[in-house]
C-alpha atoms as a PDB file:
ATOM      1  CA  MET A   1      25.802 -29.209 -41.491  1.00  0.00           C
ATOM      2  CA  SER A   2      27.528 -26.290 -39.788  1.00  0.00           C
ATOM      3  CA  ILE A   3      30.933 -26.637 -38.154  1.00  0.00           C
ATOM      4  CA  HIS A   4      29.333 -26.086 -34.759  1.00  0.00           C
ATOM      5  CA  ALA A   5      26.806 -28.867 -35.413  1.00  0.00           C
ATOM      6  CA  GLN A   6      29.580 -31.215 -36.592  1.00  0.00           C
ATOM      7  CA  LEU A   7      31.647 -30.522 -33.490  1.00  0.00           C
ATOM      8  CA  GLU A   8      28.631 -31.095 -31.275  1.00  0.00           C
ATOM      9  CA  GLN A   9      27.855 -34.361 -33.057  1.00  0.00           C
ATOM     10  CA  ASN A  10      31.468 -35.539 -32.680  1.00  0.00           C
ATOM     11  CA  ARG A  11      31.336 -34.644 -28.997  1.00  0.00           C
ATOM     12  CA  HIS A  12      28.217 -36.816 -28.618  1.00  0.00           C
ATOM     13  CA  ILE A  13      29.853 -39.729 -30.440  1.00  0.00           C
ATOM     14  CA  ILE A  14      33.013 -39.495 -28.338  1.00  0.00           C
ATOM     15  CA  HIS A  15      30.966 -39.326 -25.139  1.00  0.00           C
ATOM     16  CA  ASP A  16      28.807 -42.277 -26.225  1.00  0.00           C
ATOM     17  CA  PHE A  17      31.874 -44.327 -27.181  1.00  0.00           C
ATOM     18  CA  ALA A  18      33.788 -43.418 -24.016  1.00  0.00           C
ATOM     19  CA  VAL A  19      30.879 -44.136 -21.667  1.00  0.00           C
ATOM     20  CA  THR A  20      29.523 -47.296 -23.277  1.00  0.00           C
ATOM     21  CA  THR A  21      32.735 -48.903 -24.524  1.00  0.00           C
ATOM     22  CA  LEU A  22      36.044 -47.460 -23.382  1.00  0.00           C
ATOM     23  CA  SER A  23      35.043 -47.114 -19.733  1.00  0.00           C
ATOM     24  CA  ALA A  24      34.715 -50.910 -19.527  1.00  0.00           C
ATOM     25  CA  ILE A  25      38.362 -51.385 -20.550  1.00  0.00           C
ATOM     26  CA  PRO A  26      40.547 -51.034 -17.448  1.00  0.00           C
ATOM     27  CA  ASN A  27      43.782 -49.714 -18.971  1.00  0.00           C
ATOM     28  CA  ASP A  28      45.056 -47.377 -21.677  1.00  0.00           C
ATOM     29  CA  PHE A  29      46.925 -50.050 -23.647  1.00  0.00           C
ATOM     30  CA  GLY A  30      43.713 -52.084 -23.687  1.00  0.00           C
ATOM     31  CA  ARG A  31      41.786 -49.056 -24.942  1.00  0.00           C
ATOM     32  CA  LEU A  32      44.428 -48.396 -27.589  1.00  0.00           C
ATOM     33  CA  THR A  33      44.347 -52.034 -28.686  1.00  0.00           C
ATOM     34  CA  TYR A  34      40.558 -51.979 -28.888  1.00  0.00           C
ATOM     35  CA  ILE A  35      40.369 -48.750 -30.893  1.00  0.00           C
ATOM     36  CA  ALA A  36      43.095 -49.972 -33.261  1.00  0.00           C
ATOM     37  CA  SER A  37      41.112 -53.196 -33.760  1.00  0.00           C
ATOM     38  CA  LEU A  38      38.206 -51.109 -35.075  1.00  0.00           C
ATOM     39  CA  ARG A  39      40.372 -49.781 -37.901  1.00  0.00           C
ATOM     40  CA  ASP A  40      40.335 -51.714 -41.160  1.00  0.00           C
ATOM     41  CA  LEU A  41      43.984 -52.243 -42.090  1.00  0.00           C
ATOM     42  CA  SER A  42      43.248 -52.045 -45.822  1.00  0.00           C
ATOM     43  CA  SER A  43      41.294 -48.801 -45.865  1.00  0.00           C
ATOM     44  CA  GLY A  44      42.288 -47.186 -42.576  1.00  0.00           C
ATOM     45  CA  ARG A  45      38.609 -46.586 -41.785  1.00  0.00           C
ATOM     46  CA  TYR A  46      37.135 -47.315 -38.388  1.00  0.00           C
ATOM     47  CA  GLU A  47      34.147 -49.659 -38.157  1.00  0.00           C
ATOM     48  CA  HIS A  48      31.842 -49.794 -35.141  1.00  0.00           C
ATOM     49  CA  ALA A  49      28.438 -51.413 -35.665  1.00  0.00           C
ATOM     50  CA  GLY A  50      26.816 -49.845 -32.605  1.00  0.00           C
ATOM     51  CA  LEU A  51      27.815 -46.306 -33.527  1.00  0.00           C
ATOM     52  CA  ALA A  52      26.938 -46.909 -37.195  1.00  0.00           C
ATOM     53  CA  CYS A  53      23.308 -47.443 -36.172  1.00  0.00           C
ATOM     54  CA  LEU A  54      23.188 -44.009 -34.559  1.00  0.00           C
ATOM     55  CA  TYR A  55      25.541 -41.646 -36.377  1.00  0.00           C
ATOM     56  CA  PRO A  56      26.745 -40.761 -39.890  1.00  0.00           C
ATOM     57  CA  ALA A  57      29.793 -42.689 -41.102  1.00  0.00           C
ATOM     58  CA  GLU A  58      32.058 -39.659 -41.552  1.00  0.00           C
ATOM     59  CA  ALA A  59      31.276 -38.356 -38.070  1.00  0.00           C
ATOM     60  CA  ILE A  60      32.186 -41.770 -36.642  1.00  0.00           C
ATOM     61  CA  GLN A  61      35.509 -41.664 -38.518  1.00  0.00           C
ATOM     62  CA  GLN A  62      36.396 -38.263 -37.112  1.00  0.00           C
ATOM     63  CA  ALA A  63      35.352 -39.144 -33.570  1.00  0.00           C
ATOM     64  CA  LEU A  64      37.117 -42.523 -33.419  1.00  0.00           C
ATOM     65  CA  LYS A  65      40.233 -41.034 -34.985  1.00  0.00           C
ATOM     66  CA  GLN A  66      40.226 -38.374 -32.269  1.00  0.00           C
ATOM     67  CA  CYS A  67      39.730 -40.991 -29.529  1.00  0.00           C
ATOM     68  CA  HIS A  68      42.566 -43.070 -30.994  1.00  0.00           C
ATOM     69  CA  GLU A  69      44.922 -40.093 -31.044  1.00  0.00           C
ATOM     70  CA  GLU A  70      43.990 -39.037 -27.499  1.00  0.00           C
ATOM     71  CA  VAL A  71      44.608 -42.480 -25.985  1.00  0.00           C
ATOM     72  CA  PHE A  72      47.874 -42.796 -27.928  1.00  0.00           C
ATOM     73  CA  GLN A  73      49.089 -39.413 -26.683  1.00  0.00           C
ATOM     74  CA  ARG A  74      47.992 -40.161 -23.114  1.00  0.00           C
ATOM     75  CA  ILE A  75      50.162 -43.295 -23.157  1.00  0.00           C
ATOM     76  CA  LEU A  76      53.142 -41.340 -24.472  1.00  0.00           C
ATOM     77  CA  GLU A  77      52.699 -38.744 -21.719  1.00  0.00           C
ATOM     78  CA  THR A  78      52.689 -41.452 -19.037  1.00  0.00           C
ATOM     79  CA  PRO A  79      55.984 -42.266 -17.261  1.00  0.00           C
ATOM     80  CA  LEU A  80      57.562 -45.521 -18.475  1.00  0.00           C
ATOM     81  CA  ALA A  81      57.126 -47.281 -15.124  1.00  0.00           C
ATOM     82  CA  LEU A  82      53.377 -46.657 -15.290  1.00  0.00           C
ATOM     83  CA  GLN A  83      53.314 -47.631 -18.970  1.00  0.00           C
ATOM     84  CA  GLU A  84      54.907 -50.928 -17.971  1.00  0.00           C
ATOM     85  CA  ALA A  85      52.213 -51.665 -15.380  1.00  0.00           C
ATOM     86  CA  ASP A  86      49.482 -50.669 -17.833  1.00  0.00           C
ATOM     87  CA  LEU A  87      50.970 -52.855 -20.574  1.00  0.00           C
ATOM     88  CA  VAL A  88      51.243 -55.841 -18.221  1.00  0.00           C
ATOM     89  CA  SER A  89      47.595 -55.408 -17.243  1.00  0.00           C
ATOM     90  CA  CYS A  90      46.623 -55.291 -20.919  1.00  0.00           C
ATOM     91  CA  LEU A  91      48.691 -58.352 -21.859  1.00  0.00           C
ATOM     92  CA  GLU A  92      47.329 -60.358 -18.922  1.00  0.00           C
ATOM     93  CA  ALA A  93      43.788 -59.719 -20.168  1.00  0.00           C
ATOM     94  CA  MET A  94      44.571 -61.165 -23.611  1.00  0.00           C
ATOM     95  CA  ASP A  95      44.079 -64.785 -24.567  1.00  0.00           C
ATOM     96  CA  GLY A  96      47.138 -66.998 -24.242  1.00  0.00           C
ATOM     97  CA  GLU A  97      50.230 -66.960 -22.101  1.00  0.00           C
ATOM     98  CA  VAL A  98      51.687 -63.532 -21.361  1.00  0.00           C
ATOM     99  CA  LYS A  99      55.258 -64.667 -22.128  1.00  0.00           C
ATOM    100  CA  GLU A 100      54.154 -65.979 -25.540  1.00  0.00           C
ATOM    101  CA  THR A 101      52.330 -62.744 -26.307  1.00  0.00           C
ATOM    102  CA  ILE A 102      55.381 -60.699 -25.312  1.00  0.00           C
ATOM    103  CA  SER A 103      57.596 -62.873 -27.500  1.00  0.00           C
ATOM    104  CA  HIS A 104      55.205 -62.535 -30.443  1.00  0.00           C
ATOM    105  CA  TRP A 105      54.898 -58.768 -30.033  1.00  0.00           C
ATOM    106  CA  ARG A 106      58.696 -58.460 -29.909  1.00  0.00           C
ATOM    107  CA  GLN A 107      59.313 -60.696 -32.901  1.00  0.00           C
ATOM    108  CA  MET A 108      56.510 -59.395 -35.137  1.00  0.00           C
ATOM    109  CA  GLU A 109      56.432 -55.831 -33.769  1.00  0.00           C
ATOM    110  CA  ALA A 110      52.669 -56.294 -33.547  1.00  0.00           C
ATOM    111  CA  TYR A 111      52.394 -53.082 -31.542  1.00  0.00           C
ATOM    112  CA  ARG A 112      52.949 -51.071 -34.751  1.00  0.00           C
ATOM    113  CA  ILE A 113      49.285 -51.465 -35.698  1.00  0.00           C
ATOM    114  CA  LEU A 114      48.280 -49.728 -32.469  1.00  0.00           C
ATOM    115  CA  MET A 115      49.484 -46.314 -33.625  1.00  0.00           C
ATOM    116  CA  PRO A 116      47.100 -43.807 -35.235  1.00  0.00           C
ATOM    117  CA  GLU A 117      47.947 -43.442 -38.922  1.00  0.00           C
ATOM    118  CA  ASP A 118      48.336 -39.671 -38.926  1.00  0.00           C
ATOM    119  CA  SER A 119      50.537 -39.376 -35.856  1.00  0.00           C
ATOM    120  CA  PRO A 120      53.772 -37.475 -36.396  1.00  0.00           C
ATOM    121  CA  GLU A 121      56.700 -39.726 -37.211  1.00  0.00           C
ATOM    122  CA  TYR A 122      58.616 -38.715 -34.078  1.00  0.00           C
ATOM    123  CA  LEU A 123      55.709 -39.863 -31.865  1.00  0.00           C
ATOM    124  CA  LYS A 124      55.520 -43.166 -33.714  1.00  0.00           C
ATOM    125  CA  GLU A 125      59.260 -43.647 -33.208  1.00  0.00           C
ATOM    126  CA  LEU A 126      58.955 -42.801 -29.508  1.00  0.00           C
ATOM    127  CA  PHE A 127      56.061 -45.233 -29.086  1.00  0.00           C
ATOM    128  CA  CYS A 128      57.937 -48.057 -30.829  1.00  0.00           C
ATOM    129  CA  SER A 129      61.094 -47.340 -28.863  1.00  0.00           C
ATOM    130  CA  ASN A 130      59.148 -47.402 -25.597  1.00  0.00           C
ATOM    131  CA  LEU A 131      57.394 -50.655 -26.512  1.00  0.00           C
ATOM    132  CA  ARG A 132      60.625 -52.347 -27.545  1.00  0.00           C
ATOM    133  CA  ALA A 133      62.188 -51.366 -24.211  1.00  0.00           C
ATOM    134  CA  LEU A 134      59.146 -52.401 -22.176  1.00  0.00           C
ATOM    135  CA  LEU A 135      58.825 -55.738 -23.947  1.00  0.00           C
ATOM    136  CA  GLU A 136      62.540 -56.369 -23.433  1.00  0.00           C
ATOM    137  CA  ILE A 137      62.132 -55.706 -19.708  1.00  0.00           C
ATOM    138  CA  LEU A 138      59.047 -57.923 -19.513  1.00  0.00           C
ATOM    139  CA  GLN A 139      60.720 -60.730 -21.469  1.00  0.00           C
ATOM    140  CA  THR A 140      63.425 -61.154 -18.817  1.00  0.00           C
END
């Protein structure tokens, strides 16, 4: 397959994923959490049954990796006050008490699995620093 055809296919996958799945999630932290949940922690590969029925596996990997990186970067480009509101909205949508979730995330640093694997180290450090600060604020 030519590079142009691969890029076009990835564009279709990203559009399909964004329209059918991500658009239903109301906040960026929720989207990031969802995309990260599609990644197998042992292999680092993304798994999405719906997309797997329609597209080649490697194209899905490239497209979901790109989506993951874009949402991650969008969060990092967002001012902290807006990140806080987005994070609260995400945590409120999760099962369980928000305070317990915040405590668990702080203690276990559960947010570390949300980062794309290939992100530069300085962006990972910034993300973790921001989350530690936001969770500290939300804990009080």
